[in-house]
Protein backbone atom coordinates (compact mmCIF):
# COMPACT_ATOMS: atom_id res chain seq x y z
CA THR A 1 17.22 159.60 146.40
CA VAL A 2 17.12 159.84 150.18
CA THR A 3 14.19 158.30 152.02
CA PRO A 4 13.67 159.59 155.57
CA PRO A 5 12.91 157.02 158.24
CA PRO A 6 9.39 156.86 159.68
CA LEU A 7 8.75 158.54 163.00
CA PHE A 8 6.46 156.81 165.44
CA SER A 9 5.44 158.82 168.49
CA LEU A 10 4.44 157.16 171.72
CA ILE A 11 2.71 159.23 174.39
CA THR A 12 2.40 157.60 177.78
CA GLY A 13 0.55 158.57 180.95
CA VAL A 14 3.36 159.24 183.39
CA ASP A 15 5.33 162.35 184.38
CA PRO A 16 3.66 165.74 184.87
CA ALA A 17 3.64 168.66 182.46
CA PRO A 18 6.36 168.02 179.89
CA LEU A 19 4.34 169.74 177.17
CA HIS A 20 3.43 173.38 176.64
CA LEU A 21 0.19 172.73 178.51
CA ASN A 22 -0.06 171.33 182.02
CA SER A 23 -0.44 167.60 181.49
CA TRP A 24 0.31 164.22 182.95
CA PHE A 25 1.08 162.84 179.50
CA SER A 26 4.77 162.47 178.75
CA PRO A 27 5.92 162.09 175.13
CA TYR A 28 8.25 159.31 174.07
CA SER A 29 9.44 159.19 170.45
CA ALA A 30 10.77 156.05 168.84
CA LEU A 31 12.68 156.69 165.64
CA ILE A 32 12.73 153.45 163.69
CA PRO A 33 15.20 153.98 160.82
CA LEU A 34 13.92 152.18 157.76
CA LEU A 35 12.59 149.36 159.91
CA GLU A 36 10.32 148.19 157.12
CA ASN A 37 13.34 147.01 155.14
CA GLN A 38 15.19 145.36 158.00
CA PRO A 39 15.36 141.57 158.49
CA ALA A 40 12.50 139.99 160.39
CA GLU A 41 14.72 139.35 163.40
CA LYS A 42 15.64 143.03 163.64
CA LYS A 43 12.00 144.13 163.36
CA ASP A 44 10.99 141.72 166.11
CA GLN A 45 13.81 142.95 168.34
CA VAL A 46 12.96 146.63 167.96
CA LEU A 47 9.22 146.14 168.45
CA GLN A 48 9.85 143.99 171.52
CA THR A 49 12.12 146.69 172.98
CA ILE A 50 9.43 149.34 172.45
CA LYS A 51 6.80 147.18 174.11
CA GLU A 52 9.02 146.54 177.12
CA LYS A 53 9.80 150.24 177.57
CA VAL A 54 6.33 151.77 177.24
CA LEU A 55 3.53 149.26 177.62
CA ASP A 56 3.81 149.09 181.40
CA HIS A 57 2.44 152.66 181.54
CA PRO A 58 -1.26 153.05 182.32
CA VAL A 59 -2.06 154.97 179.11
CA VAL A 60 -0.14 154.79 175.84
CA HIS A 61 -0.96 156.60 172.59
CA LEU A 62 0.71 155.46 169.35
CA GLU A 63 0.95 157.94 166.47
CA LEU A 64 1.42 156.05 163.22
CA ALA A 65 3.74 157.05 160.38
CA SER A 66 3.37 156.52 156.66
CA MET A 67 4.52 153.08 155.53
CA THR A 68 4.72 151.18 152.27
CA ARG A 69 5.03 147.53 153.27
CA ALA A 70 1.80 145.74 154.12
CA ASP A 71 3.54 142.91 156.00
CA PHE A 72 5.27 145.30 158.37
CA LEU A 73 2.14 147.37 158.97
CA LEU A 74 0.23 144.19 159.82
CA GLN A 75 2.98 143.16 162.22
CA LEU A 76 2.99 146.59 163.83
CA PHE A 77 -0.77 146.59 164.27
CA ASN A 78 -0.92 143.12 165.79
CA SER A 79 2.15 143.40 168.01
CA LEU A 80 1.92 147.02 169.19
CA ALA A 81 -1.14 149.02 168.07
CA LEU A 82 -3.63 146.57 169.57
CA ARG A 83 -1.79 146.78 172.89
CA VAL A 84 -1.95 150.53 173.36
CA GLN A 85 -5.05 152.38 174.53
CA SER A 86 -5.07 155.07 171.84
CA LEU A 87 -4.02 155.37 168.20
CA GLY A 88 -3.49 158.42 165.98
CA LEU A 89 -3.34 158.56 162.18
CA ASN A 90 -4.13 160.58 159.06
CA GLU A 91 -6.10 159.74 155.93
CA ALA A 92 -3.27 157.99 154.06
CA GLU A 93 -2.32 155.89 157.06
CA LEU A 94 -5.95 154.96 157.74
CA ALA A 95 -6.54 153.95 154.11
CA PHE A 96 -3.49 151.67 154.03
CA LEU A 97 -4.21 150.13 157.43
CA SER A 98 -7.83 149.40 156.56
CA GLU A 99 -6.75 147.85 153.25
CA VAL A 100 -4.13 145.65 154.93
CA LEU A 101 -6.66 144.42 157.49
CA GLY A 102 -9.33 143.74 154.88
CA GLY A 103 -11.52 146.60 155.99
CA PRO A 104 -13.64 149.11 154.05
CA GLU A 105 -12.10 151.28 151.36
CA VAL A 106 -11.33 154.79 152.59
CA GLU A 107 -12.51 157.49 150.20
CA ASP A 108 -12.65 161.26 150.46
CA SER A 109 -15.71 161.35 152.68
CA VAL A 110 -16.47 161.51 156.38
CA GLU A 111 -18.71 158.46 156.08
CA SER A 112 -16.03 156.18 154.64
CA VAL A 113 -13.47 157.39 157.17
CA THR A 114 -15.92 156.74 160.00
CA ASP A 115 -16.68 153.24 158.67
CA ALA A 116 -12.96 152.43 158.67
CA LEU A 117 -12.47 153.74 162.22
CA VAL A 118 -15.41 151.68 163.47
CA PHE A 119 -13.96 148.64 161.69
CA LEU A 120 -10.59 149.08 163.44
CA LEU A 121 -12.16 149.35 166.90
CA GLU A 122 -14.31 146.32 166.23
CA ARG A 123 -11.22 144.47 165.01
CA ALA A 124 -9.49 145.36 168.30
CA GLY A 125 -12.00 143.21 170.17
CA ASP A 126 -10.95 142.78 173.81
CA HIS A 127 -7.49 144.27 173.30
CA PRO A 128 -6.64 147.57 175.09
CA LEU A 129 -7.07 149.72 171.96
CA SER A 130 -10.29 151.68 172.54
CA ARG A 131 -9.70 155.11 170.97
CA ILE A 132 -8.55 156.40 167.57
CA HIS A 133 -7.82 160.05 166.81
CA PHE A 134 -8.05 160.68 163.06
CA HIS A 135 -6.87 163.96 161.57
CA CYS A 136 -6.91 165.36 158.04
CA LEU A 137 -6.78 168.88 156.65
CA THR A 138 -10.46 169.83 156.97
CA TYR A 139 -11.85 167.78 159.89
CA HIS A 140 -10.87 165.51 162.76
CA ILE A 141 -12.63 162.49 164.24
CA ILE A 142 -12.19 160.73 167.56
CA ALA A 143 -13.75 157.27 167.52
CA GLU A 144 -13.97 155.46 170.84
CA LYS A 145 -15.50 152.42 172.40
CA SER A 146 -18.54 153.85 174.14
CA GLY A 147 -18.11 154.49 177.84
CA ARG A 148 -14.34 154.03 177.86
CA TRP A 149 -13.25 157.69 177.56
CA LYS A 150 -14.51 161.01 178.97
CA ASP A 151 -14.81 164.41 177.21
CA SER A 152 -13.82 163.20 173.75
CA ASP A 153 -16.01 165.89 172.18
CA VAL A 154 -13.91 168.54 173.89
CA ALA A 155 -10.72 166.71 172.96
CA VAL A 156 -11.47 166.58 169.25
CA ALA A 157 -12.46 170.28 169.19
CA MET A 158 -9.26 171.29 170.95
CA GLY A 159 -7.28 169.18 168.50
CA THR A 160 -8.77 171.05 165.56
CA LEU A 161 -8.01 174.36 167.24
CA THR A 162 -4.40 173.27 167.75
CA ALA A 163 -4.15 172.34 164.05
CA ALA A 164 -5.34 175.82 163.04
CA LEU A 165 -3.08 177.75 165.40
CA TYR A 166 -0.03 175.53 164.85
CA ALA A 167 -0.13 175.76 161.06
CA CYS A 168 -0.49 179.55 160.97
CA ASP A 169 1.71 180.04 164.04
CA THR A 170 -0.78 182.44 165.60
CA PRO A 171 -2.15 182.62 169.18
CA GLN A 172 -5.77 182.77 167.98
CA PRO A 173 -7.78 182.17 164.78
CA LEU A 174 -8.00 185.17 162.48
CA ALA A 175 -10.47 185.63 159.64
CA GLU A 176 -7.74 186.67 157.23
CA ASN A 177 -5.66 183.57 158.05
CA HIS A 178 -8.22 180.77 158.41
CA GLU A 179 -11.18 179.36 156.51
CA LEU A 180 -13.77 176.65 157.13
CA ARG A 181 -13.76 174.15 154.26
CA TRP A 182 -15.82 171.30 155.74
CA ARG A 183 -19.26 172.47 156.85
CA GLY A 184 -20.85 169.15 157.72
CA ALA A 185 -21.17 170.12 161.37
CA GLY A 186 -23.44 173.05 160.60
CA SER A 187 -23.35 175.63 163.37
CA THR A 188 -22.06 173.24 166.05
CA PRO A 189 -18.35 172.75 166.78
CA VAL A 190 -18.69 168.98 167.27
CA ILE A 191 -21.03 166.24 166.05
CA SER A 192 -21.24 163.18 168.29
CA GLU A 193 -22.89 160.00 167.02
CA ASN A 194 -23.34 156.47 168.31
CA ARG A 195 -22.36 153.94 165.68
CA GLY A 196 -22.82 150.20 165.54
CA GLY A 197 -20.66 147.87 167.57
CA GLY A 198 -20.63 150.06 170.68
CA VAL A 199 -18.57 152.82 169.05
CA THR A 200 -19.10 156.58 169.42
CA VAL A 201 -17.59 159.09 167.01
CA HIS A 202 -16.96 162.80 167.56
CA ILE A 203 -16.39 164.93 164.44
CA SER A 204 -15.12 168.51 164.37
CA PRO A 205 -14.23 170.84 161.46
CA VAL A 206 -10.81 172.46 161.16
CA LEU A 207 -10.22 176.14 160.55
CA VAL A 208 -7.75 175.61 157.72
CA CYS A 209 -4.73 177.89 157.63
CA ARG A 210 -4.61 179.66 154.26
CA ARG A 211 -0.84 180.22 154.37
CA PRO A 212 0.73 177.61 156.67
CA LEU A 213 4.03 178.47 158.30
CA LYS A 214 4.54 175.26 160.31
CA THR A 215 3.72 171.70 159.36
CA VAL A 216 6.39 169.44 160.90
CA GLY A 217 5.13 167.87 164.12
CA ARG A 218 1.55 169.05 163.67
CA GLY A 219 0.09 165.53 163.93
CA ASP A 220 1.86 164.93 167.23
CA SER A 221 0.66 168.29 168.55
CA ILE A 222 -2.94 167.50 167.57
CA SER A 223 -2.92 164.11 169.25
CA ALA A 224 -1.12 165.34 172.36
CA THR A 225 -3.66 168.15 172.76
CA GLY A 226 -6.52 165.71 172.37
CA LEU A 227 -5.06 163.57 175.14
CA LEU A 228 -4.78 166.57 177.45
CA TYR A 229 -8.53 167.11 177.34
CA THR A 230 -9.73 163.54 177.77
CA THR A 231 -9.62 160.86 180.46
CA ILE A 232 -9.68 157.09 180.10
CA LEU A 233 -12.38 155.58 182.30
CA SER A 234 -11.70 151.87 181.87
């Protein structure tokens, strides 16, 4: 059995336009081969190196990867995730992270996902982390500390569009290729709600690709697109 190493993506606010869209976000990827199973000294060394290389940038987004060890995930959250401005994850990663931190159980519902996102931002306290971009098959959510980011409603909608186009590898949505499976937003593309603890959430449905052609790298593309359409205010 071969187990692939986790891939953590770090997107920092520096050089202009390295992506397919004009942008001042430059992607940095840190491949951490089986770091979960390395000795504590090695984990500390690698995480310290990452912090030294990227955390001096004005804006850093960390895209989580699936993990199995609670102790390492806790270390990663406390040593790195709390120190970036933005975090990206999917439903499995959110469920495990919330469990490790003693947060609410994440079930297959928008409400439980939202509760977990609010919990994480409240847990961040005064640390830099102020934005979380959640993505699953049928909807995306951007949760943010109110007043810290601009145009997050646009960002989450553009992220869902990217998910649809990327998966089907088409330049525009087509009725024969895409379908709407989550209809909680009604006729609006985005629902924005103020939640407790000074947190605002923006929820947008995904046009799900019926016959996906591309899946590798979709999470990074979603998060990078979301960053292109938003601005950190403080």
